Structure formats: structure tokens, C-alpha cells
Amino acid sequence: MMLMFPLLLLIAGLLTVPAYLYSRRRHPESRWLPVAAVPAIAAWVLLAASGYGAQSLSNLIEVLWLLGASVILAYAKVLVVDRVIGFRAGGTYILMGMLLIAALLLRSFMPLLPE
């Protein structure tokens, strides 16, 4: 697990880099976009370590869902939200907040998955 989380964060960050570079060409973008999932994963680990929510090795799938959501939401932010609403760099912080809420909701409502 000590190697899995950093490796998965690296993969998600690398998948987000093209969206970041595309956004930087058009307007100022926060440098936090490729690593937007880090606070959510850290919150998930802290919640799991404190015993909050279902405790099973199968519940590690929640981390994959958070990382997938971070990549999808980053592209949605760059390709849709920035064009329509124009949040620009501030939208990255909203994205990070949404991922933190998703981590809390996953730990709260995910049932105990059989191993």
C-alpha cells in the first residue's frame, strides 16, 4: 500500500498533465491541477486509519474511484467549465473540494465489500 498510492497518484497526475498544458496555453491555470487528488487521497487514508467507514481490503477500490474522478473532473473543468463559466485557476480549488467531499462520502456510505 505504501507503494501503491504514490504510484496511482503518479499515474493520475500524468493522465491529467495534457489537460493542464492545454489550459495553460489559453489562460493562467493553477499548478495544483495535476495533483488535485492528493488532498482527497490523504483525507481518505486518514479516515480509513481512524476507523471511519467500512474496514475491508476490498474498500481500497474507493481510492481508484477517487483517482478516476480526479482525472475525469480535471478534463471536464478544462474543456467545459472554464469555457462556459470561466472559473480558471479558482476552479481547481473547487475541484479539490469536490474530491474531498467525495472521499468523505465514499468512506461514509460504501458498504463493507467482501474480500
Protein backbone atom coordinates (compact mmCIF):
# COMPACT_ATOMS: atom_id res chain seq x y z
CA MET A 1 0.00 0.00 0.00
CA MET A 2 2.93 2.30 0.67
CA LEU A 3 3.99 1.91 -2.95
CA MET A 4 0.52 1.60 -4.50
CA PHE A 5 -0.85 5.02 -3.51
CA PRO A 6 2.11 7.09 -4.78
CA LEU A 7 2.19 5.05 -7.98
CA LEU A 8 -1.53 5.54 -8.58
CA LEU A 9 -1.23 9.25 -7.79
CA LEU A 10 1.62 9.50 -10.30
CA ILE A 11 -0.43 7.76 -12.99
CA ALA A 12 -3.45 10.01 -12.35
CA GLY A 13 -1.20 13.08 -12.39
CA LEU A 14 0.38 12.04 -15.69
CA LEU A 15 -3.07 11.49 -17.19
CA THR A 16 -4.07 15.00 -16.11
CA VAL A 17 -0.96 16.76 -17.47
CA PRO A 18 -2.35 17.12 -21.06
CA ALA A 19 -5.43 18.94 -19.70
CA TYR A 20 -3.16 21.16 -17.62
CA LEU A 21 -0.94 22.00 -20.59
CA TYR A 22 -3.97 22.71 -22.80
CA SER A 23 -5.40 25.01 -20.16
CA ARG A 24 -2.07 26.82 -19.63
CA ARG A 25 -1.94 27.73 -23.32
CA ARG A 26 -5.26 29.54 -23.10
CA HIS A 27 -5.17 31.24 -19.69
CA PRO A 28 -3.46 31.11 -16.30
CA GLU A 29 -4.04 27.78 -14.60
CA SER A 30 -3.27 26.61 -11.09
CA ARG A 31 -0.26 24.32 -10.85
CA TRP A 32 -2.27 22.15 -8.49
CA LEU A 33 -4.41 20.66 -11.26
CA PRO A 34 -2.24 17.57 -11.94
CA VAL A 35 -2.08 16.76 -8.22
CA ALA A 36 -5.65 17.69 -7.30
CA ALA A 37 -6.31 14.17 -5.99
CA VAL A 38 -3.59 14.29 -3.32
CA PRO A 39 -5.68 16.01 -0.60
CA ALA A 40 -8.61 13.65 -1.24
CA ILE A 41 -6.42 10.56 -1.03
CA ALA A 42 -4.76 11.90 2.13
CA ALA A 43 -8.20 12.52 3.67
CA TRP A 44 -9.31 9.02 2.64
CA VAL A 45 -6.23 7.47 4.28
CA LEU A 46 -6.77 9.47 7.48
CA LEU A 47 -10.44 8.50 7.61
CA ALA A 48 -9.63 4.84 7.00
CA ALA A 49 -6.83 4.88 9.58
CA SER A 50 -9.15 6.39 12.16
CA GLY A 51 -11.64 3.55 11.62
CA TYR A 52 -14.32 5.65 9.95
CA GLY A 53 -16.45 3.68 7.50
CA ALA A 54 -16.25 0.09 6.36
CA GLN A 55 -12.89 -1.55 7.04
CA SER A 56 -12.02 -4.09 4.37
CA LEU A 57 -9.20 -4.54 1.90
CA SER A 58 -11.81 -4.52 -0.85
CA ASN A 59 -12.70 -0.96 0.09
CA LEU A 60 -9.38 0.13 -1.45
CA ILE A 61 -11.40 0.37 -4.67
CA GLU A 62 -12.57 3.72 -3.32
CA VAL A 63 -9.08 5.10 -3.98
CA LEU A 64 -9.32 4.07 -7.63
CA TRP A 65 -12.70 5.76 -7.89
CA LEU A 66 -11.29 8.96 -6.40
CA LEU A 67 -8.35 8.94 -8.80
CA GLY A 68 -10.59 8.24 -11.79
CA ALA A 69 -12.92 11.02 -10.72
CA SER A 70 -9.98 13.40 -10.37
CA VAL A 71 -8.89 12.77 -13.96
CA ILE A 72 -12.41 13.00 -15.38
CA LEU A 73 -13.25 16.14 -13.40
CA ALA A 74 -9.98 17.80 -14.40
CA TYR A 75 -10.77 17.33 -18.09
CA ALA A 76 -14.37 18.46 -17.52
CA LYS A 77 -13.07 21.55 -15.76
CA VAL A 78 -10.67 22.44 -18.55
CA LEU A 79 -12.87 21.57 -21.53
CA VAL A 80 -16.32 22.56 -20.28
CA VAL A 81 -16.41 24.61 -17.09
CA ASP A 82 -13.60 27.01 -17.99
CA ARG A 83 -15.24 27.77 -21.32
CA VAL A 84 -18.79 28.17 -20.06
CA ILE A 85 -18.35 29.70 -16.62
CA GLY A 86 -14.75 30.82 -16.69
CA PHE A 87 -13.54 29.79 -13.22
CA ARG A 88 -9.96 29.44 -14.49
CA ALA A 89 -7.46 28.78 -11.69
CA GLY A 90 -10.06 29.06 -8.94
CA GLY A 91 -11.91 26.10 -10.39
CA THR A 92 -9.01 23.84 -9.41
CA TYR A 93 -9.65 24.57 -5.76
CA ILE A 94 -13.34 23.84 -6.21
CA LEU A 95 -12.34 20.57 -7.88
CA MET A 96 -10.14 19.70 -4.90
CA GLY A 97 -13.02 20.46 -2.53
CA MET A 98 -15.35 18.25 -4.54
CA LEU A 99 -12.84 15.40 -4.33
CA LEU A 100 -12.52 15.87 -0.57
CA ILE A 101 -16.30 15.66 -0.22
CA ALA A 102 -16.30 12.57 -2.45
CA ALA A 103 -13.70 10.91 -0.21
CA LEU A 104 -15.82 11.61 2.86
CA LEU A 105 -18.97 10.32 1.14
CA LEU A 106 -17.23 7.17 -0.04
CA ARG A 107 -15.98 6.41 3.46
CA SER A 108 -19.42 7.18 4.90
CA PHE A 109 -21.72 5.26 2.59
CA MET A 110 -19.68 2.49 0.98
CA PRO A 111 -20.83 -0.85 2.38
CA LEU A 112 -18.44 -3.49 3.61
CA LEU A 113 -17.24 -5.25 0.47
CA PRO A 114 -16.36 -8.95 0.72
CA GLU A 115 -12.71 -9.75 0.19
